[in-house]
N, C-alpha and C. Protein backbone atom coordinates (compact mmCIF):
# COMPACT_ATOMS: atom_id res chain seq x y z
N MET A 1 0.94 -15.14 44.34
CA MET A 1 1.29 -14.83 42.98
C MET A 1 0.84 -15.97 42.08
N LEU A 2 0.30 -15.62 40.96
CA LEU A 2 -0.21 -16.59 39.99
C LEU A 2 0.89 -16.99 39.03
N THR A 3 1.11 -18.28 38.86
CA THR A 3 2.08 -18.75 37.89
C THR A 3 1.34 -19.37 36.72
N ILE A 4 1.86 -19.14 35.55
CA ILE A 4 1.21 -19.62 34.33
C ILE A 4 2.17 -20.54 33.61
N ASP A 5 1.67 -21.70 33.26
CA ASP A 5 2.46 -22.66 32.49
C ASP A 5 2.60 -22.13 31.07
N GLU A 6 3.83 -21.93 30.61
CA GLU A 6 4.08 -21.37 29.27
C GLU A 6 3.48 -22.25 28.19
N ARG A 7 3.50 -23.57 28.38
CA ARG A 7 2.92 -24.47 27.39
C ARG A 7 1.42 -24.22 27.25
N LEU A 8 0.76 -23.96 28.38
CA LEU A 8 -0.67 -23.68 28.35
C LEU A 8 -0.94 -22.38 27.61
N VAL A 9 -0.13 -21.37 27.83
CA VAL A 9 -0.29 -20.09 27.14
C VAL A 9 -0.12 -20.29 25.64
N ASP A 10 0.90 -21.06 25.24
CA ASP A 10 1.14 -21.33 23.82
C ASP A 10 -0.02 -22.09 23.20
N GLU A 11 -0.55 -23.05 23.92
CA GLU A 11 -1.67 -23.84 23.41
C GLU A 11 -2.92 -22.97 23.24
N ILE A 12 -3.18 -22.10 24.18
CA ILE A 12 -4.34 -21.20 24.09
C ILE A 12 -4.16 -20.26 22.90
N ALA A 13 -2.97 -19.71 22.75
CA ALA A 13 -2.71 -18.80 21.63
C ALA A 13 -2.89 -19.51 20.30
N GLU A 14 -2.42 -20.74 20.19
CA GLU A 14 -2.55 -21.50 18.95
C GLU A 14 -4.02 -21.81 18.66
N ARG A 15 -4.78 -22.14 19.67
CA ARG A 15 -6.22 -22.41 19.47
C ARG A 15 -6.95 -21.16 19.00
N ILE A 16 -6.62 -20.03 19.58
CA ILE A 16 -7.26 -18.77 19.17
C ILE A 16 -6.89 -18.45 17.73
N ALA A 17 -5.61 -18.59 17.38
CA ALA A 17 -5.16 -18.31 16.01
C ALA A 17 -5.86 -19.25 15.02
N LYS A 18 -5.97 -20.52 15.37
CA LYS A 18 -6.62 -21.49 14.49
C LYS A 18 -8.09 -21.13 14.29
N LYS A 19 -8.76 -20.74 15.36
CA LYS A 19 -10.17 -20.36 15.27
C LYS A 19 -10.34 -19.13 14.38
N LEU A 20 -9.45 -18.15 14.53
CA LEU A 20 -9.53 -16.95 13.70
C LEU A 20 -9.28 -17.27 12.23
N ARG A 21 -8.32 -18.16 11.96
CA ARG A 21 -8.06 -18.55 10.57
C ARG A 21 -9.26 -19.25 9.96
N ASN A 22 -9.93 -20.07 10.72
CA ASN A 22 -11.10 -20.80 10.22
C ASN A 22 -12.29 -19.88 9.98
N GLU A 23 -12.38 -18.81 10.73
CA GLU A 23 -13.51 -17.89 10.61
C GLU A 23 -13.25 -16.76 9.63
N GLN A 24 -12.05 -16.68 9.13
CA GLN A 24 -11.68 -15.58 8.24
C GLN A 24 -12.51 -15.63 6.95
N ARG A 25 -13.16 -14.54 6.62
CA ARG A 25 -14.01 -14.47 5.45
C ARG A 25 -13.32 -13.83 4.25
N PHE A 26 -12.28 -13.09 4.50
CA PHE A 26 -11.59 -12.37 3.45
C PHE A 26 -10.16 -12.85 3.35
N ASP A 27 -9.63 -12.77 2.14
CA ASP A 27 -8.23 -13.10 1.91
C ASP A 27 -7.41 -11.83 2.10
N PHE A 28 -6.61 -11.79 3.15
CA PHE A 28 -5.83 -10.60 3.46
C PHE A 28 -4.39 -10.70 2.97
N SER A 29 -4.12 -11.63 2.07
CA SER A 29 -2.76 -11.75 1.56
C SER A 29 -2.42 -10.51 0.74
N PRO A 30 -1.16 -10.07 0.76
CA PRO A 30 -0.78 -8.84 0.05
C PRO A 30 -1.17 -8.83 -1.42
N ALA A 31 -1.15 -9.98 -2.07
CA ALA A 31 -1.49 -10.03 -3.49
C ALA A 31 -2.94 -9.65 -3.75
N LYS A 32 -3.78 -9.75 -2.75
CA LYS A 32 -5.20 -9.47 -2.92
C LYS A 32 -5.57 -8.02 -2.59
N PHE A 33 -4.64 -7.26 -2.01
CA PHE A 33 -4.95 -5.88 -1.67
C PHE A 33 -5.12 -5.04 -2.92
N GLN A 34 -6.05 -4.14 -2.88
CA GLN A 34 -6.19 -3.20 -3.99
C GLN A 34 -5.11 -2.14 -3.84
N LYS A 35 -4.73 -1.56 -4.96
CA LYS A 35 -3.72 -0.51 -4.91
C LYS A 35 -4.31 0.72 -4.24
N VAL A 36 -3.47 1.38 -3.48
CA VAL A 36 -3.88 2.61 -2.82
C VAL A 36 -3.56 3.77 -3.76
N LEU A 37 -4.53 4.62 -3.98
CA LEU A 37 -4.33 5.78 -4.83
C LEU A 37 -4.25 7.03 -3.97
N VAL A 38 -3.36 7.93 -4.35
CA VAL A 38 -3.18 9.18 -3.60
C VAL A 38 -3.30 10.35 -4.57
N ASP A 39 -3.56 11.53 -4.02
CA ASP A 39 -3.63 12.72 -4.89
C ASP A 39 -2.21 13.26 -5.11
N ALA A 40 -2.11 14.30 -5.92
CA ALA A 40 -0.80 14.83 -6.29
C ALA A 40 -0.02 15.36 -5.09
N GLY A 41 -0.69 15.98 -4.15
CA GLY A 41 0.00 16.49 -2.96
C GLY A 41 0.60 15.37 -2.12
N GLU A 42 -0.17 14.31 -1.92
CA GLU A 42 0.33 13.16 -1.16
C GLU A 42 1.46 12.47 -1.90
N LEU A 43 1.33 12.36 -3.22
CA LEU A 43 2.39 11.77 -4.02
C LEU A 43 3.67 12.59 -3.90
N ALA A 44 3.55 13.89 -4.01
CA ALA A 44 4.72 14.78 -3.92
C ALA A 44 5.44 14.58 -2.59
N ARG A 45 4.68 14.54 -1.50
CA ARG A 45 5.30 14.32 -0.18
C ARG A 45 5.94 12.94 -0.08
N ALA A 46 5.26 11.92 -0.63
CA ALA A 46 5.75 10.55 -0.50
C ALA A 46 7.06 10.32 -1.25
N ILE A 47 7.23 10.98 -2.39
CA ILE A 47 8.45 10.73 -3.19
C ILE A 47 9.38 11.94 -3.22
N SER A 48 9.12 12.89 -2.35
CA SER A 48 9.99 14.06 -2.17
C SER A 48 10.22 14.86 -3.45
N LEU A 49 9.13 15.12 -4.16
CA LEU A 49 9.16 16.02 -5.31
C LEU A 49 8.17 17.15 -5.05
N SER A 50 8.34 18.25 -5.74
CA SER A 50 7.41 19.36 -5.56
C SER A 50 6.12 19.10 -6.33
N ARG A 51 5.07 19.76 -5.92
CA ARG A 51 3.79 19.61 -6.62
C ARG A 51 3.91 20.08 -8.09
N PRO A 52 4.59 21.21 -8.36
CA PRO A 52 4.75 21.61 -9.76
C PRO A 52 5.51 20.55 -10.60
N THR A 53 6.46 19.87 -9.99
CA THR A 53 7.18 18.81 -10.71
C THR A 53 6.23 17.67 -11.05
N ILE A 54 5.38 17.30 -10.09
CA ILE A 54 4.38 16.25 -10.35
C ILE A 54 3.48 16.68 -11.51
N ASP A 55 3.00 17.92 -11.47
CA ASP A 55 2.13 18.42 -12.54
C ASP A 55 2.84 18.38 -13.89
N ARG A 56 4.12 18.75 -13.91
CA ARG A 56 4.90 18.72 -15.16
C ARG A 56 5.04 17.29 -15.69
N LEU A 57 5.33 16.36 -14.81
CA LEU A 57 5.46 14.96 -15.22
C LEU A 57 4.15 14.41 -15.77
N VAL A 58 3.05 14.81 -15.17
CA VAL A 58 1.73 14.38 -15.65
C VAL A 58 1.48 14.95 -17.05
N SER A 59 1.73 16.25 -17.22
CA SER A 59 1.46 16.89 -18.51
C SER A 59 2.32 16.32 -19.63
N ARG A 60 3.48 15.78 -19.28
CA ARG A 60 4.37 15.18 -20.28
C ARG A 60 4.18 13.66 -20.38
N ASP A 61 3.15 13.15 -19.72
CA ASP A 61 2.86 11.70 -19.72
C ASP A 61 4.05 10.85 -19.26
N LYS A 62 4.77 11.35 -18.27
CA LYS A 62 5.93 10.62 -17.75
C LYS A 62 5.57 9.71 -16.57
N ILE A 63 4.43 9.98 -15.94
CA ILE A 63 4.00 9.14 -14.82
C ILE A 63 2.53 8.76 -15.02
N PRO A 64 2.17 7.54 -14.60
CA PRO A 64 0.78 7.09 -14.77
C PRO A 64 -0.14 7.70 -13.72
N SER A 65 -1.37 7.95 -14.14
CA SER A 65 -2.39 8.46 -13.22
C SER A 65 -3.76 8.11 -13.77
N VAL A 66 -4.75 8.28 -12.92
CA VAL A 66 -6.14 8.08 -13.35
C VAL A 66 -6.95 9.28 -12.90
N LYS A 67 -7.96 9.60 -13.68
CA LYS A 67 -8.87 10.68 -13.28
C LYS A 67 -10.13 10.02 -12.73
N VAL A 68 -10.49 10.44 -11.54
CA VAL A 68 -11.71 9.97 -10.90
C VAL A 68 -12.52 11.21 -10.58
N GLY A 69 -13.61 11.39 -11.31
CA GLY A 69 -14.35 12.64 -11.19
C GLY A 69 -13.44 13.76 -11.65
N GLY A 70 -13.26 14.75 -10.82
CA GLY A 70 -12.38 15.85 -11.16
C GLY A 70 -10.99 15.71 -10.57
N ARG A 71 -10.73 14.58 -9.92
CA ARG A 71 -9.44 14.40 -9.24
C ARG A 71 -8.52 13.49 -10.03
N ARG A 72 -7.25 13.82 -10.04
CA ARG A 72 -6.23 12.96 -10.63
C ARG A 72 -5.57 12.21 -9.48
N LEU A 73 -5.53 10.88 -9.60
CA LEU A 73 -4.97 10.05 -8.54
C LEU A 73 -3.82 9.20 -9.07
N PHE A 74 -2.94 8.81 -8.16
CA PHE A 74 -1.71 8.12 -8.52
C PHE A 74 -1.50 6.91 -7.61
N SER A 75 -0.89 5.87 -8.17
CA SER A 75 -0.38 4.76 -7.38
C SER A 75 1.10 5.05 -7.16
N ILE A 76 1.50 5.21 -5.92
CA ILE A 76 2.90 5.53 -5.62
C ILE A 76 3.81 4.47 -6.22
N GLU A 77 3.42 3.21 -6.07
CA GLU A 77 4.23 2.10 -6.59
C GLU A 77 4.43 2.22 -8.10
N GLU A 78 3.37 2.53 -8.83
CA GLU A 78 3.47 2.65 -10.29
C GLU A 78 4.29 3.87 -10.70
N VAL A 79 4.11 4.97 -9.99
CA VAL A 79 4.86 6.18 -10.31
C VAL A 79 6.36 5.95 -10.09
N VAL A 80 6.71 5.37 -8.96
CA VAL A 80 8.13 5.10 -8.68
C VAL A 80 8.69 4.16 -9.74
N GLY A 81 7.93 3.14 -10.11
CA GLY A 81 8.37 2.22 -11.16
C GLY A 81 8.61 2.94 -12.49
N SER A 82 7.71 3.85 -12.85
CA SER A 82 7.86 4.61 -14.08
C SER A 82 9.08 5.51 -14.06
N LEU A 83 9.31 6.14 -12.92
CA LEU A 83 10.46 7.03 -12.80
C LEU A 83 11.77 6.24 -12.85
N LYS A 84 11.79 5.07 -12.20
CA LYS A 84 13.00 4.24 -12.25
C LYS A 84 13.26 3.77 -13.68
N LYS A 85 12.20 3.34 -14.35
CA LYS A 85 12.34 2.86 -15.73
C LYS A 85 12.85 3.99 -16.63
N ALA A 86 12.30 5.20 -16.46
CA ALA A 86 12.72 6.34 -17.28
C ALA A 86 14.17 6.71 -17.01
N SER A 87 14.62 6.54 -15.77
CA SER A 87 16.00 6.91 -15.45
C SER A 87 17.00 5.92 -16.04
N LEU A 88 16.54 4.71 -16.35
CA LEU A 88 17.42 3.71 -16.97
C LEU A 88 17.60 3.93 -18.45
N ASN A 89 16.67 4.66 -19.06
CA ASN A 89 16.74 4.89 -20.51
C ASN A 89 17.62 6.05 -20.86
């Protein structure tokens, strides 16, 4: 049976992590992520509202969206923020 020194395993893991950090070309911190946009159907499922309700909120300018080509897209985070803000008023 092969026995492995735990200190050796930790040292190898740390060396691998250090090498990966040094070779990293992109900043993967959450602040650098682009917002994910979803269509109305995905938004409806994500926040448990019906598609007609989403369409009504859009037509009344109650939730933010962007048009890309012929598609209307939403940031779930921004929509939830808008709905929370509206419920406080």
